Amino acid sequence: MIDLTKLTPDEAEAIAHAEGFTGVATMFARIGDLEHAIYVLLNELEVGRVELPDEVGAAVDQLRELLP
């Protein structure tokens, strides 16, 4: 059995969809979309070099830790 959590969201989505697990495929598609949004947000914050309040900086650090 394949552990879909060890794959990229796109790979996991494709396999789940091919196996007929449409709900799981939808979940991995959403994870992939969110991961992309996080990367875009972090890149924009870095480019802007804006001074962030401490709580926002902590949230950004948390997001970085969650990404592969």
N, C-alpha and C. Protein backbone atom coordinates (compact mmCIF):
# COMPACT_ATOMS: atom_id res chain seq x y z
N MET A 1 0.84 -1.17 0.00
CA MET A 1 0.00 0.00 0.00
C MET A 1 0.89 1.24 0.00
N ILE A 2 0.50 2.24 -0.77
CA ILE A 2 1.25 3.49 -0.88
C ILE A 2 0.79 4.45 0.21
N ASP A 3 1.76 5.05 0.89
CA ASP A 3 1.46 6.09 1.88
C ASP A 3 1.41 7.42 1.15
N LEU A 4 0.21 7.90 0.87
CA LEU A 4 0.05 9.13 0.09
C LEU A 4 0.63 10.34 0.80
N THR A 5 0.76 10.28 2.10
CA THR A 5 1.29 11.43 2.84
C THR A 5 2.79 11.61 2.61
N LYS A 6 3.44 10.62 2.03
CA LYS A 6 4.88 10.71 1.74
C LYS A 6 5.14 11.31 0.36
N LEU A 7 4.09 11.56 -0.41
CA LEU A 7 4.21 12.09 -1.76
C LEU A 7 3.89 13.58 -1.77
N THR A 8 4.19 14.22 -2.90
CA THR A 8 3.76 15.61 -3.05
C THR A 8 2.24 15.62 -3.16
N PRO A 9 1.60 16.75 -2.84
CA PRO A 9 0.14 16.80 -2.96
C PRO A 9 -0.34 16.46 -4.38
N ASP A 10 0.38 16.91 -5.40
CA ASP A 10 -0.04 16.62 -6.78
C ASP A 10 0.03 15.13 -7.09
N GLU A 11 1.12 14.49 -6.64
CA GLU A 11 1.26 13.04 -6.87
C GLU A 11 0.18 12.27 -6.12
N ALA A 12 -0.05 12.65 -4.87
CA ALA A 12 -1.06 11.97 -4.06
C ALA A 12 -2.45 12.15 -4.66
N GLU A 13 -2.72 13.36 -5.15
CA GLU A 13 -4.02 13.63 -5.78
C GLU A 13 -4.23 12.73 -6.99
N ALA A 14 -3.21 12.62 -7.84
CA ALA A 14 -3.32 11.82 -9.05
C ALA A 14 -3.57 10.35 -8.73
N ILE A 15 -2.84 9.82 -7.76
CA ILE A 15 -3.00 8.41 -7.39
C ILE A 15 -4.37 8.17 -6.77
N ALA A 16 -4.78 9.05 -5.86
CA ALA A 16 -6.09 8.88 -5.22
C ALA A 16 -7.21 8.94 -6.26
N HIS A 17 -7.08 9.86 -7.20
CA HIS A 17 -8.11 9.98 -8.24
C HIS A 17 -8.12 8.72 -9.12
N ALA A 18 -6.94 8.23 -9.48
CA ALA A 18 -6.85 7.03 -10.31
C ALA A 18 -7.45 5.81 -9.62
N GLU A 19 -7.35 5.78 -8.31
CA GLU A 19 -7.88 4.65 -7.53
C GLU A 19 -9.36 4.83 -7.19
N GLY A 20 -9.94 5.96 -7.57
CA GLY A 20 -11.36 6.18 -7.35
C GLY A 20 -11.69 6.84 -6.02
N PHE A 21 -10.70 7.32 -5.32
CA PHE A 21 -10.93 8.00 -4.04
C PHE A 21 -11.04 9.49 -4.28
N THR A 22 -12.19 9.91 -4.80
CA THR A 22 -12.34 11.30 -5.22
C THR A 22 -12.29 12.29 -4.05
N GLY A 23 -12.81 11.88 -2.91
CA GLY A 23 -12.75 12.76 -1.73
C GLY A 23 -11.33 12.99 -1.28
N VAL A 24 -10.54 11.95 -1.28
CA VAL A 24 -9.12 12.06 -0.90
C VAL A 24 -8.38 12.88 -1.95
N ALA A 25 -8.68 12.67 -3.23
CA ALA A 25 -8.05 13.45 -4.30
C ALA A 25 -8.36 14.93 -4.13
N THR A 26 -9.60 15.25 -3.80
CA THR A 26 -9.99 16.64 -3.58
C THR A 26 -9.23 17.24 -2.41
N MET A 27 -9.05 16.48 -1.34
CA MET A 27 -8.32 16.95 -0.17
C MET A 27 -6.87 17.26 -0.54
N PHE A 28 -6.22 16.37 -1.28
CA PHE A 28 -4.83 16.62 -1.67
C PHE A 28 -4.72 17.78 -2.66
N ALA A 29 -5.72 17.96 -3.50
CA ALA A 29 -5.72 19.13 -4.39
C ALA A 29 -5.78 20.41 -3.57
N ARG A 30 -6.60 20.42 -2.56
CA ARG A 30 -6.73 21.59 -1.68
C ARG A 30 -5.41 21.85 -0.93
N ILE A 31 -4.78 20.79 -0.46
CA ILE A 31 -3.49 20.93 0.22
C ILE A 31 -2.47 21.53 -0.74
N GLY A 32 -2.45 21.07 -1.97
CA GLY A 32 -1.53 21.61 -2.96
C GLY A 32 -1.78 23.09 -3.23
N ASP A 33 -3.06 23.47 -3.31
CA ASP A 33 -3.41 24.87 -3.52
C ASP A 33 -2.96 25.73 -2.34
N LEU A 34 -3.19 25.24 -1.13
CA LEU A 34 -2.78 25.98 0.06
C LEU A 34 -1.27 26.10 0.16
N GLU A 35 -0.56 25.03 -0.17
CA GLU A 35 0.90 25.06 -0.15
C GLU A 35 1.42 26.11 -1.13
N HIS A 36 0.83 26.15 -2.32
CA HIS A 36 1.22 27.15 -3.31
C HIS A 36 0.95 28.56 -2.78
N ALA A 37 -0.21 28.78 -2.18
CA ALA A 37 -0.55 30.10 -1.65
C ALA A 37 0.44 30.52 -0.56
N ILE A 38 0.86 29.59 0.26
CA ILE A 38 1.83 29.90 1.32
C ILE A 38 3.15 30.32 0.71
N TYR A 39 3.63 29.59 -0.31
CA TYR A 39 4.88 29.96 -0.97
C TYR A 39 4.80 31.37 -1.57
N VAL A 40 3.69 31.67 -2.23
CA VAL A 40 3.51 32.99 -2.84
C VAL A 40 3.51 34.07 -1.76
N LEU A 41 2.78 33.84 -0.68
CA LEU A 41 2.72 34.81 0.42
C LEU A 41 4.10 35.04 1.02
N LEU A 42 4.83 33.98 1.30
CA LEU A 42 6.16 34.12 1.89
C LEU A 42 7.11 34.85 0.95
N ASN A 43 7.03 34.55 -0.34
CA ASN A 43 7.87 35.24 -1.31
C ASN A 43 7.55 36.72 -1.36
N GLU A 44 6.28 37.06 -1.34
CA GLU A 44 5.88 38.46 -1.38
C GLU A 44 6.34 39.20 -0.12
N LEU A 45 6.25 38.54 1.02
CA LEU A 45 6.71 39.16 2.26
C LEU A 45 8.22 39.41 2.22
N GLU A 46 8.97 38.47 1.66
CA GLU A 46 10.42 38.62 1.57
C GLU A 46 10.80 39.73 0.60
N VAL A 47 10.11 39.81 -0.53
CA VAL A 47 10.41 40.82 -1.54
C VAL A 47 10.10 42.21 -0.98
N GLY A 48 9.00 42.32 -0.25
CA GLY A 48 8.59 43.61 0.30
C GLY A 48 9.48 44.08 1.43
N ARG A 49 10.18 43.16 2.07
CA ARG A 49 11.06 43.47 3.20
C ARG A 49 10.36 44.40 4.20
N VAL A 50 9.13 44.06 4.48
CA VAL A 50 8.33 44.85 5.40
C VAL A 50 8.62 44.40 6.83
N GLU A 51 8.70 45.33 7.73
CA GLU A 51 8.86 45.01 9.15
C GLU A 51 7.52 44.50 9.67
N LEU A 52 7.50 43.26 10.13
CA LEU A 52 6.26 42.64 10.57
C LEU A 52 6.13 42.70 12.08
N PRO A 53 4.91 42.86 12.57
CA PRO A 53 4.71 42.75 14.02
C PRO A 53 5.15 41.37 14.50
N ASP A 54 5.53 41.25 15.76
CA ASP A 54 6.06 39.99 16.29
C ASP A 54 5.12 38.81 16.05
N GLU A 55 3.82 39.00 16.26
CA GLU A 55 2.89 37.87 16.11
C GLU A 55 2.79 37.43 14.65
N VAL A 56 2.90 38.36 13.71
CA VAL A 56 2.88 37.99 12.30
C VAL A 56 4.19 37.30 11.93
N GLY A 57 5.30 37.81 12.45
CA GLY A 57 6.58 37.17 12.21
C GLY A 57 6.60 35.74 12.72
N ALA A 58 6.00 35.52 13.88
CA ALA A 58 5.93 34.17 14.45
C ALA A 58 5.07 33.27 13.55
N ALA A 59 3.98 33.80 13.03
CA ALA A 59 3.12 33.02 12.14
C ALA A 59 3.86 32.67 10.85
N VAL A 60 4.63 33.61 10.32
CA VAL A 60 5.40 33.36 9.11
C VAL A 60 6.43 32.27 9.38
N ASP A 61 7.10 32.33 10.50
CA ASP A 61 8.07 31.29 10.86
C ASP A 61 7.40 29.93 10.94
N GLN A 62 6.22 29.89 11.51
CA GLN A 62 5.46 28.63 11.62
C GLN A 62 5.15 28.08 10.24
N LEU A 63 4.73 28.96 9.33
CA LEU A 63 4.42 28.51 7.98
C LEU A 63 5.66 27.94 7.28
N ARG A 64 6.80 28.60 7.46
CA ARG A 64 8.04 28.09 6.86
C ARG A 64 8.37 26.70 7.36
N GLU A 65 8.15 26.44 8.64
CA GLU A 65 8.44 25.13 9.22
C GLU A 65 7.52 24.04 8.65
N LEU A 66 6.32 24.42 8.27
CA LEU A 66 5.36 23.44 7.76
C LEU A 66 5.64 23.02 6.32
N LEU A 67 6.37 23.86 5.59
CA LEU A 67 6.62 23.56 4.18
C LEU A 67 7.77 22.56 4.04
N PRO A 68 7.68 21.73 2.99
CA PRO A 68 8.76 20.76 2.75
C PRO A 68 10.03 21.43 2.29
